[in-house]
mmCIF file of all heavy atoms, coordinates in Angstrom:
data_MODEL
# 
_entry.id   MODEL 
# 
loop_
_atom_site.group_PDB 
_atom_site.id 
_atom_site.type_symbol 
_atom_site.label_atom_id 
_atom_site.label_alt_id 
_atom_site.label_comp_id 
_atom_site.label_asym_id 
_atom_site.label_entity_id 
_atom_site.label_seq_id 
_atom_site.pdbx_PDB_ins_code 
_atom_site.Cartn_x 
_atom_site.Cartn_y 
_atom_site.Cartn_z 
_atom_site.occupancy 
_atom_site.B_iso_or_equiv 
_atom_site.pdbx_formal_charge 
_atom_site.auth_seq_id 
_atom_site.auth_comp_id 
_atom_site.auth_asym_id 
_atom_site.auth_atom_id 
_atom_site.pdbx_PDB_model_num 
ATOM 1   N N   . ASN A 1 1  ? -79.827 -107.757 -3.350 1.00 0.00 ? 1  ASN A N   1 
ATOM 2   C CA  . ASN A 1 1  ? -79.095 -108.022 -4.558 1.00 0.00 ? 1  ASN A CA  1 
ATOM 3   C C   . ASN A 1 1  ? -78.314 -106.819 -5.033 1.00 0.00 ? 1  ASN A C   1 
ATOM 4   O O   . ASN A 1 1  ? -77.187 -106.935 -5.663 1.00 0.00 ? 1  ASN A O   1 
ATOM 5   C CB  . ASN A 1 1  ? -80.041 -108.479 -5.566 1.00 0.00 ? 1  ASN A CB  1 
ATOM 6   C CG  . ASN A 1 1  ? -80.695 -109.745 -5.383 1.00 0.00 ? 1  ASN A CG  1 
ATOM 7   O OD1 . ASN A 1 1  ? -80.074 -110.649 -4.684 1.00 0.00 ? 1  ASN A OD1 1 
ATOM 8   N ND2 . ASN A 1 1  ? -81.827 -110.038 -5.886 1.00 0.00 ? 1  ASN A ND2 1 
ATOM 9   N N   . ALA A 1 2  ? -78.807 -105.653 -4.778 1.00 0.00 ? 2  ALA A N   1 
ATOM 10  C CA  . ALA A 1 2  ? -78.044 -104.381 -5.358 1.00 0.00 ? 2  ALA A CA  1 
ATOM 11  C C   . ALA A 1 2  ? -76.854 -104.306 -4.735 1.00 0.00 ? 2  ALA A C   1 
ATOM 12  O O   . ALA A 1 2  ? -75.810 -103.682 -5.142 1.00 0.00 ? 2  ALA A O   1 
ATOM 13  C CB  . ALA A 1 2  ? -79.038 -103.137 -5.228 1.00 0.00 ? 2  ALA A CB  1 
ATOM 14  N N   . LYS A 1 3  ? -76.657 -104.690 -3.409 1.00 0.00 ? 3  LYS A N   1 
ATOM 15  C CA  . LYS A 1 3  ? -75.366 -104.525 -2.628 1.00 0.00 ? 3  LYS A CA  1 
ATOM 16  C C   . LYS A 1 3  ? -74.781 -105.809 -2.611 1.00 0.00 ? 3  LYS A C   1 
ATOM 17  O O   . LYS A 1 3  ? -73.701 -105.902 -1.739 1.00 0.00 ? 3  LYS A O   1 
ATOM 18  C CB  . LYS A 1 3  ? -75.744 -104.043 -1.275 1.00 0.00 ? 3  LYS A CB  1 
ATOM 19  C CG  . LYS A 1 3  ? -76.489 -102.584 -1.301 1.00 0.00 ? 3  LYS A CG  1 
ATOM 20  C CD  . LYS A 1 3  ? -76.609 -102.138 0.174  1.00 0.00 ? 3  LYS A CD  1 
ATOM 21  C CE  . LYS A 1 3  ? -77.214 -100.637 0.152  1.00 0.00 ? 3  LYS A CE  1 
ATOM 22  N NZ  . LYS A 1 3  ? -77.426 -100.174 1.577  1.00 0.00 ? 3  LYS A NZ  1 
ATOM 23  N N   . ASN A 1 4  ? -75.196 -106.921 -3.256 1.00 0.00 ? 4  ASN A N   1 
ATOM 24  C CA  . ASN A 1 4  ? -74.436 -108.127 -3.150 1.00 0.00 ? 4  ASN A CA  1 
ATOM 25  C C   . ASN A 1 4  ? -74.238 -108.744 -1.696 1.00 0.00 ? 4  ASN A C   1 
ATOM 26  O O   . ASN A 1 4  ? -73.112 -109.192 -1.322 1.00 0.00 ? 4  ASN A O   1 
ATOM 27  C CB  . ASN A 1 4  ? -73.122 -108.208 -3.934 1.00 0.00 ? 4  ASN A CB  1 
ATOM 28  C CG  . ASN A 1 4  ? -73.234 -107.709 -5.367 1.00 0.00 ? 4  ASN A CG  1 
ATOM 29  O OD1 . ASN A 1 4  ? -74.167 -108.288 -6.062 1.00 0.00 ? 4  ASN A OD1 1 
ATOM 30  N ND2 . ASN A 1 4  ? -72.511 -106.845 -5.907 1.00 0.00 ? 4  ASN A ND2 1 
ATOM 31  N N   . THR A 1 5  ? -75.343 -108.655 -0.880 1.00 0.00 ? 5  THR A N   1 
ATOM 32  C CA  . THR A 1 5  ? -75.224 -108.907 0.538  1.00 0.00 ? 5  THR A CA  1 
ATOM 33  C C   . THR A 1 5  ? -76.357 -109.831 0.961  1.00 0.00 ? 5  THR A C   1 
ATOM 34  O O   . THR A 1 5  ? -77.347 -109.811 0.465  1.00 0.00 ? 5  THR A O   1 
ATOM 35  C CB  . THR A 1 5  ? -75.257 -107.594 1.276  1.00 0.00 ? 5  THR A CB  1 
ATOM 36  O OG1 . THR A 1 5  ? -74.246 -106.725 0.976  1.00 0.00 ? 5  THR A OG1 1 
ATOM 37  C CG2 . THR A 1 5  ? -75.137 -107.911 2.865  1.00 0.00 ? 5  THR A CG2 1 
ATOM 38  N N   . VAL A 1 6  ? -75.969 -110.889 1.837  1.00 0.00 ? 6  VAL A N   1 
ATOM 39  C CA  . VAL A 1 6  ? -76.949 -111.682 2.401  1.00 0.00 ? 6  VAL A CA  1 
ATOM 40  C C   . VAL A 1 6  ? -76.728 -111.461 3.958  1.00 0.00 ? 6  VAL A C   1 
ATOM 41  O O   . VAL A 1 6  ? -75.662 -111.210 4.534  1.00 0.00 ? 6  VAL A O   1 
ATOM 42  C CB  . VAL A 1 6  ? -76.604 -113.158 2.082  1.00 0.00 ? 6  VAL A CB  1 
ATOM 43  C CG1 . VAL A 1 6  ? -75.355 -113.670 2.437  1.00 0.00 ? 6  VAL A CG1 1 
ATOM 44  C CG2 . VAL A 1 6  ? -77.741 -114.011 2.567  1.00 0.00 ? 6  VAL A CG2 1 
ATOM 45  N N   . PHE A 1 7  ? -77.870 -111.563 4.674  1.00 0.00 ? 7  PHE A N   1 
ATOM 46  C CA  . PHE A 1 7  ? -77.924 -111.456 5.971  1.00 0.00 ? 7  PHE A CA  1 
ATOM 47  C C   . PHE A 1 7  ? -78.624 -112.627 6.704  1.00 0.00 ? 7  PHE A C   1 
ATOM 48  O O   . PHE A 1 7  ? -79.383 -113.308 6.239  1.00 0.00 ? 7  PHE A O   1 
ATOM 49  C CB  . PHE A 1 7  ? -78.996 -110.273 6.367  1.00 0.00 ? 7  PHE A CB  1 
ATOM 50  C CG  . PHE A 1 7  ? -78.586 -108.952 5.807  1.00 0.00 ? 7  PHE A CG  1 
ATOM 51  C CD1 . PHE A 1 7  ? -79.160 -108.629 4.557  1.00 0.00 ? 7  PHE A CD1 1 
ATOM 52  C CD2 . PHE A 1 7  ? -77.643 -108.105 6.346  1.00 0.00 ? 7  PHE A CD2 1 
ATOM 53  C CE1 . PHE A 1 7  ? -78.862 -107.268 3.923  1.00 0.00 ? 7  PHE A CE1 1 
ATOM 54  C CE2 . PHE A 1 7  ? -77.258 -106.911 5.692  1.00 0.00 ? 7  PHE A CE2 1 
ATOM 55  C CZ  . PHE A 1 7  ? -77.761 -106.542 4.568  1.00 0.00 ? 7  PHE A CZ  1 
ATOM 56  N N   . LEU A 1 8  ? -78.203 -112.867 8.042  1.00 0.00 ? 8  LEU A N   1 
ATOM 57  C CA  . LEU A 1 8  ? -78.959 -113.896 8.783  1.00 0.00 ? 8  LEU A CA  1 
ATOM 58  C C   . LEU A 1 8  ? -79.190 -113.275 10.167 1.00 0.00 ? 8  LEU A C   1 
ATOM 59  O O   . LEU A 1 8  ? -78.284 -112.882 10.920 1.00 0.00 ? 8  LEU A O   1 
ATOM 60  C CB  . LEU A 1 8  ? -77.858 -115.127 9.012  1.00 0.00 ? 8  LEU A CB  1 
ATOM 61  C CG  . LEU A 1 8  ? -78.401 -116.263 9.784  1.00 0.00 ? 8  LEU A CG  1 
ATOM 62  C CD1 . LEU A 1 8  ? -79.688 -117.013 8.987  1.00 0.00 ? 8  LEU A CD1 1 
ATOM 63  C CD2 . LEU A 1 8  ? -77.443 -117.195 10.092 1.00 0.00 ? 8  LEU A CD2 1 
ATOM 64  N N   . GLN A 1 9  ? -80.439 -113.026 10.386 1.00 0.00 ? 9  GLN A N   1 
ATOM 65  C CA  . GLN A 1 9  ? -80.947 -112.686 11.667 1.00 0.00 ? 9  GLN A CA  1 
ATOM 66  C C   . GLN A 1 9  ? -81.151 -113.869 12.647 1.00 0.00 ? 9  GLN A C   1 
ATOM 67  O O   . GLN A 1 9  ? -82.075 -114.635 12.266 1.00 0.00 ? 9  GLN A O   1 
ATOM 68  C CB  . GLN A 1 9  ? -82.238 -111.822 11.381 1.00 0.00 ? 9  GLN A CB  1 
ATOM 69  C CG  . GLN A 1 9  ? -82.918 -111.195 12.861 1.00 0.00 ? 9  GLN A CG  1 
ATOM 70  C CD  . GLN A 1 9  ? -81.974 -110.215 13.502 1.00 0.00 ? 9  GLN A CD  1 
ATOM 71  O OE1 . GLN A 1 9  ? -81.560 -109.266 12.837 1.00 0.00 ? 9  GLN A OE1 1 
ATOM 72  N NE2 . GLN A 1 9  ? -81.845 -110.203 14.741 1.00 0.00 ? 9  GLN A NE2 1 
ATOM 73  N N   . MET A 1 10 ? -80.596 -113.775 13.716 1.00 0.00 ? 10 MET A N   1 
ATOM 74  C CA  . MET A 1 10 ? -80.653 -114.881 14.645 1.00 0.00 ? 10 MET A CA  1 
ATOM 75  C C   . MET A 1 10 ? -81.286 -114.475 15.984 1.00 0.00 ? 10 MET A C   1 
ATOM 76  O O   . MET A 1 10 ? -80.620 -113.681 16.704 1.00 0.00 ? 10 MET A O   1 
ATOM 77  C CB  . MET A 1 10 ? -79.400 -115.524 14.901 1.00 0.00 ? 10 MET A CB  1 
ATOM 78  C CG  . MET A 1 10 ? -78.567 -116.036 13.635 1.00 0.00 ? 10 MET A CG  1 
ATOM 79  S SD  . MET A 1 10 ? -77.096 -116.941 13.945 1.00 0.00 ? 10 MET A SD  1 
ATOM 80  C CE  . MET A 1 10 ? -75.964 -115.599 14.586 1.00 0.00 ? 10 MET A CE  1 
ATOM 81  N N   . ASN A 1 11 ? -82.365 -114.980 16.378 1.00 0.00 ? 11 ASN A N   1 
ATOM 82  C CA  . ASN A 1 11 ? -83.130 -114.516 17.578 1.00 0.00 ? 11 ASN A CA  1 
ATOM 83  C C   . ASN A 1 11 ? -83.260 -115.781 18.532 1.00 0.00 ? 11 ASN A C   1 
ATOM 84  O O   . ASN A 1 11 ? -83.098 -116.957 18.159 1.00 0.00 ? 11 ASN A O   1 
ATOM 85  C CB  . ASN A 1 11 ? -84.513 -114.179 17.256 1.00 0.00 ? 11 ASN A CB  1 
ATOM 86  C CG  . ASN A 1 11 ? -84.529 -112.841 16.386 1.00 0.00 ? 11 ASN A CG  1 
ATOM 87  O OD1 . ASN A 1 11 ? -83.643 -111.920 16.489 1.00 0.00 ? 11 ASN A OD1 1 
ATOM 88  N ND2 . ASN A 1 11 ? -85.488 -112.735 15.569 1.00 0.00 ? 11 ASN A ND2 1 
ATOM 89  N N   . VAL A 1 12 ? -83.264 -115.490 19.883 1.00 0.00 ? 12 VAL A N   1 
ATOM 90  C CA  . VAL A 1 12 ? -83.448 -116.418 21.003 1.00 0.00 ? 12 VAL A CA  1 
ATOM 91  C C   . VAL A 1 12 ? -82.296 -117.477 20.825 1.00 0.00 ? 12 VAL A C   1 
ATOM 92  O O   . VAL A 1 12 ? -82.567 -118.585 20.715 1.00 0.00 ? 12 VAL A O   1 
ATOM 93  C CB  . VAL A 1 12 ? -84.839 -117.041 20.928 1.00 0.00 ? 12 VAL A CB  1 
ATOM 94  C CG1 . VAL A 1 12 ? -85.112 -117.727 22.293 1.00 0.00 ? 12 VAL A CG1 1 
ATOM 95  C CG2 . VAL A 1 12 ? -85.959 -116.157 20.562 1.00 0.00 ? 12 VAL A CG2 1 
ATOM 96  N N   . LEU A 1 13 ? -81.146 -116.970 20.693 1.00 0.00 ? 13 LEU A N   1 
ATOM 97  C CA  . LEU A 1 13 ? -79.943 -117.733 20.542 1.00 0.00 ? 13 LEU A CA  1 
ATOM 98  C C   . LEU A 1 13 ? -79.755 -118.698 21.821 1.00 0.00 ? 13 LEU A C   1 
ATOM 99  O O   . LEU A 1 13 ? -80.085 -118.370 23.026 1.00 0.00 ? 13 LEU A O   1 
ATOM 100 C CB  . LEU A 1 13 ? -78.652 -116.913 20.468 1.00 0.00 ? 13 LEU A CB  1 
ATOM 101 C CG  . LEU A 1 13 ? -78.630 -116.300 19.130 1.00 0.00 ? 13 LEU A CG  1 
ATOM 102 C CD1 . LEU A 1 13 ? -77.560 -115.307 18.944 1.00 0.00 ? 13 LEU A CD1 1 
ATOM 103 C CD2 . LEU A 1 13 ? -78.183 -117.454 18.069 1.00 0.00 ? 13 LEU A CD2 1 
ATOM 104 N N   . GLU A 1 14 ? -79.332 -119.958 21.625 1.00 0.00 ? 14 GLU A N   1 
ATOM 105 C CA  . GLU A 1 14 ? -79.069 -120.895 22.634 1.00 0.00 ? 14 GLU A CA  1 
ATOM 106 C C   . GLU A 1 14 ? -77.625 -121.357 22.534 1.00 0.00 ? 14 GLU A C   1 
ATOM 107 O O   . GLU A 1 14 ? -76.925 -121.157 21.551 1.00 0.00 ? 14 GLU A O   1 
ATOM 108 C CB  . GLU A 1 14 ? -80.022 -122.147 22.377 1.00 0.00 ? 14 GLU A CB  1 
ATOM 109 C CG  . GLU A 1 14 ? -81.480 -121.738 22.285 1.00 0.00 ? 14 GLU A CG  1 
ATOM 110 C CD  . GLU A 1 14 ? -82.281 -123.032 21.738 1.00 0.00 ? 14 GLU A CD  1 
ATOM 111 O OE1 . GLU A 1 14 ? -81.708 -123.903 21.292 1.00 0.00 ? 14 GLU A OE1 1 
ATOM 112 O OE2 . GLU A 1 14 ? -83.616 -122.860 21.780 1.00 0.00 ? 14 GLU A OE2 1 
ATOM 113 N N   . PRO A 1 15 ? -77.103 -121.955 23.731 1.00 0.00 ? 15 PRO A N   1 
ATOM 114 C CA  . PRO A 1 15 ? -75.714 -122.427 23.631 1.00 0.00 ? 15 PRO A CA  1 
ATOM 115 C C   . PRO A 1 15 ? -75.376 -123.357 22.575 1.00 0.00 ? 15 PRO A C   1 
ATOM 116 O O   . PRO A 1 15 ? -74.236 -123.357 22.096 1.00 0.00 ? 15 PRO A O   1 
ATOM 117 C CB  . PRO A 1 15 ? -75.593 -123.091 25.165 1.00 0.00 ? 15 PRO A CB  1 
ATOM 118 C CG  . PRO A 1 15 ? -76.578 -122.309 25.922 1.00 0.00 ? 15 PRO A CG  1 
ATOM 119 C CD  . PRO A 1 15 ? -77.753 -121.993 25.085 1.00 0.00 ? 15 PRO A CD  1 
ATOM 120 N N   . GLU A 1 16 ? -76.363 -124.109 22.051 1.00 0.00 ? 16 GLU A N   1 
ATOM 121 C CA  . GLU A 1 16 ? -76.211 -125.070 21.074 1.00 0.00 ? 16 GLU A CA  1 
ATOM 122 C C   . GLU A 1 16 ? -76.033 -124.366 19.735 1.00 0.00 ? 16 GLU A C   1 
ATOM 123 O O   . GLU A 1 16 ? -75.586 -125.057 18.750 1.00 0.00 ? 16 GLU A O   1 
ATOM 124 C CB  . GLU A 1 16 ? -77.401 -126.030 20.810 1.00 0.00 ? 16 GLU A CB  1 
ATOM 125 C CG  . GLU A 1 16 ? -77.614 -126.945 22.093 1.00 0.00 ? 16 GLU A CG  1 
ATOM 126 C CD  . GLU A 1 16 ? -78.186 -126.282 23.360 1.00 0.00 ? 16 GLU A CD  1 
ATOM 127 O OE1 . GLU A 1 16 ? -78.697 -125.164 23.313 1.00 0.00 ? 16 GLU A OE1 1 
ATOM 128 O OE2 . GLU A 1 16 ? -77.943 -126.886 24.492 1.00 0.00 ? 16 GLU A OE2 1 
ATOM 129 N N   . ASP A 1 17 ? -76.261 -123.026 19.586 1.00 0.00 ? 17 ASP A N   1 
ATOM 130 C CA  . ASP A 1 17 ? -75.952 -122.288 18.371 1.00 0.00 ? 17 ASP A CA  1 
ATOM 131 C C   . ASP A 1 17 ? -74.505 -121.864 18.321 1.00 0.00 ? 17 ASP A C   1 
ATOM 132 O O   . ASP A 1 17 ? -74.120 -121.332 17.224 1.00 0.00 ? 17 ASP A O   1 
ATOM 133 C CB  . ASP A 1 17 ? -76.885 -121.031 18.333 1.00 0.00 ? 17 ASP A CB  1 
ATOM 134 C CG  . ASP A 1 17 ? -78.369 -121.447 18.269 1.00 0.00 ? 17 ASP A CG  1 
ATOM 135 O OD1 . ASP A 1 17 ? -78.643 -122.304 17.407 1.00 0.00 ? 17 ASP A OD1 1 
ATOM 136 O OD2 . ASP A 1 17 ? -79.185 -120.693 18.971 1.00 0.00 ? 17 ASP A OD2 1 
ATOM 137 N N   . THR A 1 18 ? -73.698 -122.086 19.248 1.00 0.00 ? 18 THR A N   1 
ATOM 138 C CA  . THR A 1 18 ? -72.300 -121.733 19.221 1.00 0.00 ? 18 THR A CA  1 
ATOM 139 C C   . THR A 1 18 ? -71.566 -122.549 18.112 1.00 0.00 ? 18 THR A C   1 
ATOM 140 O O   . THR A 1 18 ? -71.594 -123.725 18.149 1.00 0.00 ? 18 THR A O   1 
ATOM 141 C CB  . THR A 1 18 ? -71.633 -122.118 20.646 1.00 0.00 ? 18 THR A CB  1 
ATOM 142 O OG1 . THR A 1 18 ? -72.162 -121.240 21.554 1.00 0.00 ? 18 THR A OG1 1 
ATOM 143 C CG2 . THR A 1 18 ? -70.112 -121.863 20.520 1.00 0.00 ? 18 THR A CG2 1 
ATOM 144 N N   . ALA A 1 19 ? -70.972 -121.834 17.124 1.00 0.00 ? 19 ALA A N   1 
ATOM 145 C CA  . ALA A 1 19 ? -70.348 -122.478 16.040 1.00 0.00 ? 19 ALA A CA  1 
ATOM 146 C C   . ALA A 1 19 ? -69.714 -121.318 15.284 1.00 0.00 ? 19 ALA A C   1 
ATOM 147 O O   . ALA A 1 19 ? -69.812 -120.093 15.571 1.00 0.00 ? 19 ALA A O   1 
ATOM 148 C CB  . ALA A 1 19 ? -71.292 -122.975 15.189 1.00 0.00 ? 19 ALA A CB  1 
ATOM 149 N N   . VAL A 1 20 ? -68.791 -121.605 14.288 1.00 0.00 ? 20 VAL A N   1 
ATOM 150 C CA  . VAL A 1 20 ? -68.312 -120.712 13.272 1.00 0.00 ? 20 VAL A CA  1 
ATOM 151 C C   . VAL A 1 20 ? -69.381 -120.797 12.156 1.00 0.00 ? 20 VAL A C   1 
ATOM 152 O O   . VAL A 1 20 ? -69.721 -121.744 11.651 1.00 0.00 ? 20 VAL A O   1 
ATOM 153 C CB  . VAL A 1 20 ? -66.830 -121.102 12.780 1.00 0.00 ? 20 VAL A CB  1 
ATOM 154 C CG1 . VAL A 1 20 ? -66.465 -120.150 11.688 1.00 0.00 ? 20 VAL A CG1 1 
ATOM 155 C CG2 . VAL A 1 20 ? -65.904 -121.100 13.953 1.00 0.00 ? 20 VAL A CG2 1 
ATOM 156 N N   . TYR A 1 21 ? -69.764 -119.619 11.715 1.00 0.00 ? 21 TYR A N   1 
ATOM 157 C CA  . TYR A 1 21 ? -70.672 -119.508 10.780 1.00 0.00 ? 21 TYR A CA  1 
ATOM 158 C C   . TYR A 1 21 ? -70.121 -118.980 9.474  1.00 0.00 ? 21 TYR A C   1 
ATOM 159 O O   . TYR A 1 21 ? -69.440 -118.081 9.451  1.00 0.00 ? 21 TYR A O   1 
ATOM 160 C CB  . TYR A 1 21 ? -71.880 -118.412 11.100 1.00 0.00 ? 21 TYR A CB  1 
ATOM 161 C CG  . TYR A 1 21 ? -72.850 -119.017 12.120 1.00 0.00 ? 21 TYR A CG  1 
ATOM 162 C CD1 . TYR A 1 21 ? -72.363 -119.299 13.423 1.00 0.00 ? 21 TYR A CD1 1 
ATOM 163 C CD2 . TYR A 1 21 ? -74.074 -119.277 11.771 1.00 0.00 ? 21 TYR A CD2 1 
ATOM 164 C CE1 . TYR A 1 21 ? -73.292 -119.807 14.321 1.00 0.00 ? 21 TYR A CE1 1 
ATOM 165 C CE2 . TYR A 1 21 ? -75.027 -119.800 12.756 1.00 0.00 ? 21 TYR A CE2 1 
ATOM 166 C CZ  . TYR A 1 21 ? -74.634 -120.022 14.057 1.00 0.00 ? 21 TYR A CZ  1 
ATOM 167 O OH  . TYR A 1 21 ? -75.455 -120.631 14.855 1.00 0.00 ? 21 TYR A OH  1 
ATOM 168 N N   . TYR A 1 22 ? -70.326 -119.786 8.235  1.00 0.00 ? 22 TYR A N   1 
ATOM 169 C CA  . TYR A 1 22 ? -69.736 -119.612 6.996  1.00 0.00 ? 22 TYR A CA  1 
ATOM 170 C C   . TYR A 1 22 ? -70.676 -119.079 5.922  1.00 0.00 ? 22 TYR A C   1 
ATOM 171 O O   . TYR A 1 22 ? -71.799 -119.640 5.965  1.00 0.00 ? 22 TYR A O   1 
ATOM 172 C CB  . TYR A 1 22 ? -68.951 -120.857 6.485  1.00 0.00 ? 22 TYR A CB  1 
ATOM 173 C CG  . TYR A 1 22 ? -67.939 -121.343 7.374  1.00 0.00 ? 22 TYR A CG  1 
ATOM 174 C CD1 . TYR A 1 22 ? -68.139 -122.231 8.399  1.00 0.00 ? 22 TYR A CD1 1 
ATOM 175 C CD2 . TYR A 1 22 ? -66.539 -120.877 7.160  1.00 0.00 ? 22 TYR A CD2 1 
ATOM 176 C CE1 . TYR A 1 22 ? -67.061 -122.700 9.150  1.00 0.00 ? 22 TYR A CE1 1 
ATOM 177 C CE2 . TYR A 1 22 ? -65.519 -121.342 7.945  1.00 0.00 ? 22 TYR A CE2 1 
ATOM 178 C CZ  . TYR A 1 22 ? -65.802 -122.184 8.990  1.00 0.00 ? 22 TYR A CZ  1 
ATOM 179 O OH  . TYR A 1 22 ? -64.698 -122.668 9.659  1.00 0.00 ? 22 TYR A OH  1 
ATOM 180 N N   . CYS A 1 23 ? -70.324 -118.163 5.179  1.00 0.00 ? 23 CYS A N   1 
ATOM 181 C CA  . CYS A 1 23 ? -71.089 -117.590 4.037  1.00 0.00 ? 23 CYS A CA  1 
ATOM 182 C C   . CYS A 1 23 ? -70.699 -118.378 2.763  1.00 0.00 ? 23 CYS A C   1 
ATOM 183 O O   . CYS A 1 23 ? -69.505 -118.710 2.682  1.00 0.00 ? 23 CYS A O   1 
ATOM 184 C CB  . CYS A 1 23 ? -70.901 -116.148 3.866  1.00 0.00 ? 23 CYS A CB  1 
ATOM 185 S SG  . CYS A 1 23 ? -71.888 -115.458 2.557  1.00 0.00 ? 23 CYS A SG  1 
ATOM 186 N N   . ASN A 1 24 ? -71.632 -118.712 1.954  1.00 0.00 ? 24 ASN A N   1 
ATOM 187 C CA  . ASN A 1 24 ? -71.442 -119.442 0.714  1.00 0.00 ? 24 ASN A CA  1 
ATOM 188 C C   . ASN A 1 24 ? -72.148 -118.834 -0.386 1.00 0.00 ? 24 ASN A C   1 
ATOM 189 O O   . ASN A 1 24 ? -73.245 -118.265 -0.170 1.00 0.00 ? 24 ASN A O   1 
ATOM 190 C CB  . ASN A 1 24 ? -71.785 -120.894 0.809  1.00 0.00 ? 24 ASN A CB  1 
ATOM 191 C CG  . ASN A 1 24 ? -71.862 -121.719 -0.412 1.00 0.00 ? 24 ASN A CG  1 
ATOM 192 O OD1 . ASN A 1 24 ? -72.814 -121.722 -1.185 1.00 0.00 ? 24 ASN A OD1 1 
ATOM 193 N ND2 . ASN A 1 24 ? -70.698 -122.349 -0.649 1.00 0.00 ? 24 ASN A ND2 1 
ATOM 194 N N   . ALA A 1 25 ? -71.534 -118.801 -1.596 1.00 0.00 ? 25 ALA A N   1 
ATOM 195 C CA  . ALA A 1 25 ? -72.187 -118.192 -2.702 1.00 0.00 ? 25 ALA A CA  1 
ATOM 196 C C   . ALA A 1 25 ? -71.996 -118.882 -4.107 1.00 0.00 ? 25 ALA A C   1 
ATOM 197 O O   . ALA A 1 25 ? -70.701 -119.454 -4.114 1.00 0.00 ? 25 ALA A O   1 
ATOM 198 C CB  . ALA A 1 25 ? -71.909 -116.672 -2.833 1.00 0.00 ? 25 ALA A CB  1 
# 
């Protein structure tokens, strides 16, 4: 919150995870 930042840690990625990832606030 102090840095106004959100993270997404993605592990064991699969071909089905292929996409454009969008941030929303």
